[in-house]
Amino acid sequence: MVIASTLINWGALGEAFLYAAIFAIGVVVVMSSGIHLYSCSEGRVGAQKVVNLAGAIVALLIVLAVVGLSIYELTVK
């Protein structure tokens, strides 16, 4: 009889799940912040609009970098 604890490294699995959950929550928070900044820029003029749009672009670039790095890490290993 084979016990699951001998086949599965539960510590490593739990660590991978924790990292995945943290990254997923981070991506959701950053992307939703970018969407909020973009939607707030609609009624603004001047410097306020530029700052909101710049924040939205930075948030989008962060999300794209995280997704690109994740795909790279998955294909290399």
PDB file of N, CA and C in Angstrom:
ATOM      1  N   MET A   1       0.831  -1.175   0.000  1.00  0.00           N
ATOM      2  CA  MET A   1       0.000   0.000   0.000  1.00  0.00           C
ATOM      3  C   MET A   1       0.888   1.255   0.000  1.00  0.00           C
ATOM      4  N   VAL A   2       0.616   2.170  -0.925  1.00  0.00           N
ATOM      5  CA  VAL A   2       1.407   3.381  -1.063  1.00  0.00           C
ATOM      6  C   VAL A   2       0.672   4.526  -0.364  1.00  0.00           C
ATOM      7  N   ILE A   3       1.385   5.218   0.468  1.00  0.00           N
ATOM      8  CA  ILE A   3       0.811   6.356   1.181  1.00  0.00           C
ATOM      9  C   ILE A   3       1.122   7.628   0.392  1.00  0.00           C
ATOM     10  N   ALA A   4       0.143   8.519   0.298  1.00  0.00           N
ATOM     11  CA  ALA A   4       0.292   9.726  -0.507  1.00  0.00           C
ATOM     12  C   ALA A   4       1.417  10.622   0.005  1.00  0.00           C
ATOM     13  N   SER A   5       1.688  10.590   1.278  1.00  0.00           N
ATOM     14  CA  SER A   5       2.732  11.467   1.815  1.00  0.00           C
ATOM     15  C   SER A   5       4.121  11.061   1.333  1.00  0.00           C
ATOM     16  N   THR A   6       4.287   9.819   0.930  1.00  0.00           N
ATOM     17  CA  THR A   6       5.586   9.405   0.403  1.00  0.00           C
ATOM     18  C   THR A   6       5.738   9.770  -1.064  1.00  0.00           C
ATOM     19  N   LEU A   7       4.642   9.954  -1.772  1.00  0.00           N
ATOM     20  CA  LEU A   7       4.693  10.288  -3.190  1.00  0.00           C
ATOM     21  C   LEU A   7       4.698  11.788  -3.453  1.00  0.00           C
ATOM     22  N   ILE A   8       4.085  12.550  -2.580  1.00  0.00           N
ATOM     23  CA  ILE A   8       3.904  13.978  -2.801  1.00  0.00           C
ATOM     24  C   ILE A   8       4.673  14.758  -1.746  1.00  0.00           C
ATOM     25  N   ASN A   9       5.444  15.707  -2.209  1.00  0.00           N
ATOM     26  CA  ASN A   9       6.144  16.605  -1.288  1.00  0.00           C
ATOM     27  C   ASN A   9       5.173  17.726  -0.931  1.00  0.00           C
ATOM     28  N   TRP A  10       4.445  17.563   0.154  1.00  0.00           N
ATOM     29  CA  TRP A  10       3.390  18.501   0.521  1.00  0.00           C
ATOM     30  C   TRP A  10       3.940  19.885   0.857  1.00  0.00           C
ATOM     31  N   GLY A  11       5.129  19.939   1.405  1.00  0.00           N
ATOM     32  CA  GLY A  11       5.731  21.235   1.729  1.00  0.00           C
ATOM     33  C   GLY A  11       6.001  22.059   0.481  1.00  0.00           C
ATOM     34  N   ALA A  12       6.574  21.420  -0.532  1.00  0.00           N
ATOM     35  CA  ALA A  12       6.857  22.127  -1.781  1.00  0.00           C
ATOM     36  C   ALA A  12       5.569  22.500  -2.504  1.00  0.00           C
ATOM     37  N   LEU A  13       4.567  21.632  -2.438  1.00  0.00           N
ATOM     38  CA  LEU A  13       3.286  21.929  -3.063  1.00  0.00           C
ATOM     39  C   LEU A  13       2.607  23.114  -2.388  1.00  0.00           C
ATOM     40  N   GLY A  14       2.657  23.136  -1.067  1.00  0.00           N
ATOM     41  CA  GLY A  14       2.078  24.263  -0.329  1.00  0.00           C
ATOM     42  C   GLY A  14       2.807  25.563  -0.619  1.00  0.00           C
ATOM     43  N   GLU A  15       4.131  25.499  -0.744  1.00  0.00           N
ATOM     44  CA  GLU A  15       4.917  26.692  -1.064  1.00  0.00           C
ATOM     45  C   GLU A  15       4.582  27.203  -2.466  1.00  0.00           C
ATOM     46  N   ALA A  16       4.453  26.310  -3.433  1.00  0.00           N
ATOM     47  CA  ALA A  16       4.091  26.709  -4.793  1.00  0.00           C
ATOM     48  C   ALA A  16       2.696  27.325  -4.821  1.00  0.00           C
ATOM     49  N   PHE A  17       1.770  26.756  -4.067  1.00  0.00           N
ATOM     50  CA  PHE A  17       0.420  27.315  -3.999  1.00  0.00           C
ATOM     51  C   PHE A  17       0.438  28.702  -3.377  1.00  0.00           C
ATOM     52  N   LEU A  18       1.230  28.896  -2.326  1.00  0.00           N
ATOM     53  CA  LEU A  18       1.310  30.202  -1.678  1.00  0.00           C
ATOM     54  C   LEU A  18       1.854  31.255  -2.627  1.00  0.00           C
ATOM     55  N   TYR A  19       2.929  30.932  -3.345  1.00  0.00           N
ATOM     56  CA  TYR A  19       3.493  31.884  -4.300  1.00  0.00           C
ATOM     57  C   TYR A  19       2.511  32.197  -5.427  1.00  0.00           C
ATOM     58  N   ALA A  20       1.822  31.192  -5.920  1.00  0.00           N
ATOM     59  CA  ALA A  20       0.850  31.415  -6.987  1.00  0.00           C
ATOM     60  C   ALA A  20      -0.301  32.292  -6.511  1.00  0.00           C
ATOM     61  N   ALA A  21      -0.752  32.068  -5.288  1.00  0.00           N
ATOM     62  CA  ALA A  21      -1.848  32.873  -4.750  1.00  0.00           C
ATOM     63  C   ALA A  21      -1.418  34.328  -4.559  1.00  0.00           C
ATOM     64  N   ILE A  22      -0.205  34.529  -4.057  1.00  0.00           N
ATOM     65  CA  ILE A  22       0.296  35.894  -3.857  1.00  0.00           C
ATOM     66  C   ILE A  22       0.430  36.625  -5.194  1.00  0.00           C
ATOM     67  N   PHE A  23       0.991  35.959  -6.195  1.00  0.00           N
ATOM     68  CA  PHE A  23       1.134  36.585  -7.503  1.00  0.00           C
ATOM     69  C   PHE A  23      -0.228  36.861  -8.133  1.00  0.00           C
ATOM     70  N   ALA A  24      -1.176  35.954  -7.989  1.00  0.00           N
ATOM     71  CA  ALA A  24      -2.505  36.163  -8.568  1.00  0.00           C
ATOM     72  C   ALA A  24      -3.196  37.350  -7.916  1.00  0.00           C
ATOM     73  N   ILE A  25      -3.127  37.438  -6.607  1.00  0.00           N
ATOM     74  CA  ILE A  25      -3.744  38.574  -5.917  1.00  0.00           C
ATOM     75  C   ILE A  25      -3.043  39.865  -6.307  1.00  0.00           C
ATOM     76  N   GLY A  26      -1.725  39.834  -6.424  1.00  0.00           N
ATOM     77  CA  GLY A  26      -0.978  41.025  -6.828  1.00  0.00           C
ATOM     78  C   GLY A  26      -1.348  41.501  -8.219  1.00  0.00           C
ATOM     79  N   VAL A  27      -1.475  40.569  -9.158  1.00  0.00           N
ATOM     80  CA  VAL A  27      -1.844  40.935 -10.533  1.00  0.00           C
ATOM     81  C   VAL A  27      -3.250  41.533 -10.558  1.00  0.00           C
ATOM     82  N   VAL A  28      -4.168  40.953  -9.811  1.00  0.00           N
ATOM     83  CA  VAL A  28      -5.535  41.477  -9.774  1.00  0.00           C
ATOM     84  C   VAL A  28      -5.563  42.877  -9.178  1.00  0.00           C
ATOM     85  N   VAL A  29      -4.822  43.101  -8.100  1.00  0.00           N
ATOM     86  CA  VAL A  29      -4.801  44.419  -7.460  1.00  0.00           C
ATOM     87  C   VAL A  29      -4.186  45.465  -8.387  1.00  0.00           C
ATOM     88  N   VAL A  30      -3.068  45.131  -9.018  1.00  0.00           N
ATOM     89  CA  VAL A  30      -2.397  46.093  -9.904  1.00  0.00           C
ATOM     90  C   VAL A  30      -3.266  46.399 -11.120  1.00  0.00           C
ATOM     91  N   MET A  31      -3.862  45.369 -11.723  1.00  0.00           N
ATOM     92  CA  MET A  31      -4.695  45.604 -12.904  1.00  0.00           C
ATOM     93  C   MET A  31      -5.948  46.387 -12.552  1.00  0.00           C
ATOM     94  N   SER A  32      -6.577  46.088 -11.431  1.00  0.00           N
ATOM     95  CA  SER A  32      -7.773  46.839 -11.057  1.00  0.00           C
ATOM     96  C   SER A  32      -7.426  48.286 -10.712  1.00  0.00           C
ATOM     97  N   SER A  33      -6.243  48.506 -10.142  1.00  0.00           N
ATOM     98  CA  SER A  33      -5.808  49.883  -9.886  1.00  0.00           C
ATOM     99  C   SER A  33      -5.602  50.635 -11.199  1.00  0.00           C
ATOM    100  N   GLY A  34      -5.023  49.960 -12.174  1.00  0.00           N
ATOM    101  CA  GLY A  34      -4.843  50.587 -13.485  1.00  0.00           C
ATOM    102  C   GLY A  34      -6.157  50.911 -14.162  1.00  0.00           C
ATOM    103  N   ILE A  35      -7.108  50.017 -14.064  1.00  0.00           N
ATOM    104  CA  ILE A  35      -8.430  50.269 -14.648  1.00  0.00           C
ATOM    105  C   ILE A  35      -9.095  51.434 -13.942  1.00  0.00           C
ATOM    106  N   HIS A  36      -8.963  51.487 -12.626  1.00  0.00           N
ATOM    107  CA  HIS A  36      -9.545  52.594 -11.869  1.00  0.00           C
ATOM    108  C   HIS A  36      -8.897  53.926 -12.256  1.00  0.00           C
ATOM    109  N   LEU A  37      -7.575  53.941 -12.367  1.00  0.00           N
ATOM    110  CA  LEU A  37      -6.890  55.170 -12.766  1.00  0.00           C
ATOM    111  C   LEU A  37      -7.316  55.607 -14.161  1.00  0.00           C
ATOM    112  N   TYR A  38      -7.457  54.654 -15.066  1.00  0.00           N
ATOM    113  CA  TYR A  38      -7.882  55.002 -16.428  1.00  0.00           C
ATOM    114  C   TYR A  38      -9.293  55.562 -16.433  1.00  0.00           C
ATOM    115  N   SER A  39     -10.187  54.957 -15.668  1.00  0.00           N
ATOM    116  CA  SER A  39     -11.568  55.450 -15.648  1.00  0.00           C
ATOM    117  C   SER A  39     -11.662  56.811 -14.960  1.00  0.00           C
ATOM    118  N   CYS A  40     -10.790  57.078 -14.005  1.00  0.00           N
ATOM    119  CA  CYS A  40     -10.793  58.391 -13.347  1.00  0.00           C
ATOM    120  C   CYS A  40     -10.246  59.483 -14.260  1.00  0.00           C
ATOM    121  N   SER A  41      -9.481  59.114 -15.250  1.00  0.00           N
ATOM    122  CA  SER A  41      -8.891  60.126 -16.132  1.00  0.00           C
ATOM    123  C   SER A  41      -9.891  60.671 -17.144  1.00  0.00           C
ATOM    124  N   GLU A  42     -11.045  60.055 -17.281  1.00  0.00           N
ATOM    125  CA  GLU A  42     -12.022  60.480 -18.282  1.00  0.00           C
ATOM    126  C   GLU A  42     -12.513  61.909 -18.051  1.00  0.00           C
ATOM    127  N   GLY A  43     -12.804  62.277 -16.822  1.00  0.00           N
ATOM    128  CA  GLY A  43     -13.347  63.613 -16.565  1.00  0.00           C
ATOM    129  C   GLY A  43     -12.316  64.643 -16.187  1.00  0.00           C
ATOM    130  N   ARG A  44     -11.056  64.273 -16.201  1.00  0.00           N
ATOM    131  CA  ARG A  44      -9.988  65.179 -15.758  1.00  0.00           C
ATOM    132  C   ARG A  44      -9.392  65.934 -16.935  1.00  0.00           C
ATOM    133  N   VAL A  45      -8.726  67.034 -16.610  1.00  0.00           N
ATOM    134  CA  VAL A  45      -8.007  67.809 -17.625  1.00  0.00           C
ATOM    135  C   VAL A  45      -6.624  68.147 -17.076  1.00  0.00           C
ATOM    136  N   GLY A  46      -5.710  68.391 -17.966  1.00  0.00           N
ATOM    137  CA  GLY A  46      -4.383  68.847 -17.589  1.00  0.00           C
ATOM    138  C   GLY A  46      -3.534  67.778 -16.931  1.00  0.00           C
ATOM    139  N   ALA A  47      -2.847  68.195 -15.865  1.00  0.00           N
ATOM    140  CA  ALA A  47      -1.880  67.330 -15.204  1.00  0.00           C
ATOM    141  C   ALA A  47      -2.544  66.134 -14.527  1.00  0.00           C
ATOM    142  N   GLN A  48      -3.751  66.310 -14.011  1.00  0.00           N
ATOM    143  CA  GLN A  48      -4.442  65.194 -13.362  1.00  0.00           C
ATOM    144  C   GLN A  48      -4.705  64.062 -14.348  1.00  0.00           C
ATOM    145  N   LYS A  49      -5.082  64.422 -15.561  1.00  0.00           N
ATOM    146  CA  LYS A  49      -5.339  63.399 -16.579  1.00  0.00           C
ATOM    147  C   LYS A  49      -4.045  62.677 -16.958  1.00  0.00           C
ATOM    148  N   VAL A  50      -2.966  63.431 -17.092  1.00  0.00           N
ATOM    149  CA  VAL A  50      -1.681  62.841 -17.463  1.00  0.00           C
ATOM    150  C   VAL A  50      -1.200  61.871 -16.377  1.00  0.00           C
ATOM    151  N   VAL A  51      -1.338  62.275 -15.118  1.00  0.00           N
ATOM    152  CA  VAL A  51      -0.901  61.420 -14.014  1.00  0.00           C
ATOM    153  C   VAL A  51      -1.747  60.148 -13.973  1.00  0.00           C
ATOM    154  N   ASN A  52      -3.048  60.259 -14.140  1.00  0.00           N
ATOM    155  CA  ASN A  52      -3.907  59.074 -14.125  1.00  0.00           C
ATOM    156  C   ASN A  52      -3.588  58.138 -15.285  1.00  0.00           C
ATOM    157  N   LEU A  53      -3.394  58.694 -16.467  1.00  0.00           N
ATOM    158  CA  LEU A  53      -3.065  57.856 -17.620  1.00  0.00           C
ATOM    159  C   LEU A  53      -1.690  57.209 -17.468  1.00  0.00           C
ATOM    160  N   ALA A  54      -0.729  57.951 -16.919  1.00  0.00           N
ATOM    161  CA  ALA A  54       0.601  57.379 -16.695  1.00  0.00           C
ATOM    162  C   ALA A  54       0.531  56.238 -15.687  1.00  0.00           C
ATOM    163  N   GLY A  55      -0.252  56.408 -14.631  1.00  0.00           N
ATOM    164  CA  GLY A  55      -0.418  55.333 -13.652  1.00  0.00           C
ATOM    165  C   GLY A  55      -1.063  54.106 -14.258  1.00  0.00           C
ATOM    166  N   ALA A  56      -2.054  54.315 -15.121  1.00  0.00           N
ATOM    167  CA  ALA A  56      -2.715  53.193 -15.785  1.00  0.00           C
ATOM    168  C   ALA A  56      -1.750  52.462 -16.712  1.00  0.00           C
ATOM    169  N   ILE A  57      -0.924  53.205 -17.419  1.00  0.00           N
ATOM    170  CA  ILE A  57       0.051  52.585 -18.325  1.00  0.00           C
ATOM    171  C   ILE A  57       1.100  51.806 -17.539  1.00  0.00           C
ATOM    172  N   VAL A  58       1.563  52.360 -16.427  1.00  0.00           N
ATOM    173  CA  VAL A  58       2.544  51.655 -15.594  1.00  0.00           C
ATOM    174  C   VAL A  58       1.938  50.363 -15.053  1.00  0.00           C
ATOM    175  N   ALA A  59       0.679  50.409 -14.607  1.00  0.00           N
ATOM    176  CA  ALA A  59       0.018  49.203 -14.101  1.00  0.00           C
ATOM    177  C   ALA A  59      -0.085  48.148 -15.195  1.00  0.00           C
ATOM    178  N   LEU A  60      -0.443  48.561 -16.398  1.00  0.00           N
ATOM    179  CA  LEU A  60      -0.533  47.619 -17.511  1.00  0.00           C
ATOM    180  C   LEU A  60       0.827  47.010 -17.830  1.00  0.00           C
ATOM    181  N   LEU A  61       1.873  47.818 -17.807  1.00  0.00           N
ATOM    182  CA  LEU A  61       3.217  47.305 -18.086  1.00  0.00           C
ATOM    183  C   LEU A  61       3.677  46.327 -17.009  1.00  0.00           C
ATOM    184  N   ILE A  62       3.322  46.590 -15.753  1.00  0.00           N
ATOM    185  CA  ILE A  62       3.675  45.662 -14.677  1.00  0.00           C
ATOM    186  C   ILE A  62       2.995  44.320 -14.892  1.00  0.00           C
ATOM    187  N   VAL A  63       1.709  44.349 -15.225  1.00  0.00           N
ATOM    188  CA  VAL A  63       0.975  43.095 -15.447  1.00  0.00           C
ATOM    189  C   VAL A  63       1.553  42.347 -16.643  1.00  0.00           C
ATOM    190  N   LEU A  64       1.850  43.053 -17.718  1.00  0.00           N
ATOM    191  CA  LEU A  64       2.441  42.395 -18.889  1.00  0.00           C
ATOM    192  C   LEU A  64       3.808  41.798 -18.565  1.00  0.00           C
ATOM    193  N   ALA A  65       4.596  42.482 -17.750  1.00  0.00           N
ATOM    194  CA  ALA A  65       5.905  41.956 -17.362  1.00  0.00           C
ATOM    195  C   ALA A  65       5.763  40.692 -16.521  1.00  0.00           C
ATOM    196  N   VAL A  66       4.813  40.687 -15.599  1.00  0.00           N
ATOM    197  CA  VAL A  66       4.608  39.503 -14.759  1.00  0.00           C
ATOM    198  C   VAL A  66       4.135  38.323 -15.599  1.00  0.00           C
ATOM    199  N   VAL A  67       3.212  38.568 -16.511  1.00  0.00           N
ATOM    200  CA  VAL A  67       2.712  37.493 -17.368  1.00  0.00           C
ATOM    201  C   VAL A  67       3.825  36.984 -18.281  1.00  0.00           C
ATOM    202  N   GLY A  68       4.593  37.893 -18.865  1.00  0.00           N
ATOM    203  CA  GLY A  68       5.686  37.486 -19.734  1.00  0.00           C
ATOM    204  C   GLY A  68       6.751  36.705 -18.992  1.00  0.00           C
ATOM    205  N   LEU A  69       7.104  37.146 -17.780  1.00  0.00           N
ATOM    206  CA  LEU A  69       8.080  36.425 -16.978  1.00  0.00           C
ATOM    207  C   LEU A  69       7.559  35.049 -16.581  1.00  0.00           C
ATOM    208  N   SER A  70       6.286  34.963 -16.273  1.00  0.00           N
ATOM    209  CA  SER A  70       5.696  33.660 -15.925  1.00  0.00           C
ATOM    210  C   SER A  70       5.743  32.698 -17.101  1.00  0.00           C
ATOM    211  N   ILE A  71       5.403  33.168 -18.283  1.00  0.00           N
ATOM    212  CA  ILE A  71       5.455  32.315 -19.467  1.00  0.00           C
ATOM    213  C   ILE A  71       6.889  31.885 -19.758  1.00  0.00           C
ATOM    214  N   TYR A  72       7.828  32.817 -19.607  1.00  0.00           N
ATOM    215  CA  TYR A  72       9.234  32.478 -19.811  1.00  0.00           C
ATOM    216  C   TYR A  72       9.688  31.397 -18.835  1.00  0.00           C
ATOM    217  N   GLU A  73       9.356  31.562 -17.556  1.00  0.00           N
ATOM    218  CA  GLU A  73       9.754  30.583 -16.547  1.00  0.00           C
ATOM    219  C   GLU A  73       9.141  29.213 -16.804  1.00  0.00           C
ATOM    220  N   LEU A  74       7.908  29.190 -17.280  1.00  0.00           N
ATOM    221  CA  LEU A  74       7.250  27.905 -17.564  1.00  0.00           C
ATOM    222  C   LEU A  74       7.875  27.202 -18.760  1.00  0.00           C
ATOM    223  N   THR A  75       8.289  27.954 -19.755  1.00  0.00           N
ATOM    224  CA  THR A  75       8.850  27.323 -20.957  1.00  0.00           C
ATOM    225  C   THR A  75      10.319  26.935 -20.783  1.00  0.00           C
ATOM    226  N   VAL A  76      11.055  27.600 -19.917  1.00  0.00           N
ATOM    227  CA  VAL A  76      12.462  27.290 -19.731  1.00  0.00           C
ATOM    228  C   VAL A  76      12.631  26.033 -18.894  1.00  0.00           C
ATOM    229  N   LYS A  77      11.802  25.863 -17.897  1.00  0.00           N
ATOM    230  CA  LYS A  77      11.956  24.707 -16.988  1.00  0.00           C
ATOM    231  C   LYS A  77      11.346  23.457 -17.532  1.00  0.00           C
TER     232      LYS A  77
END
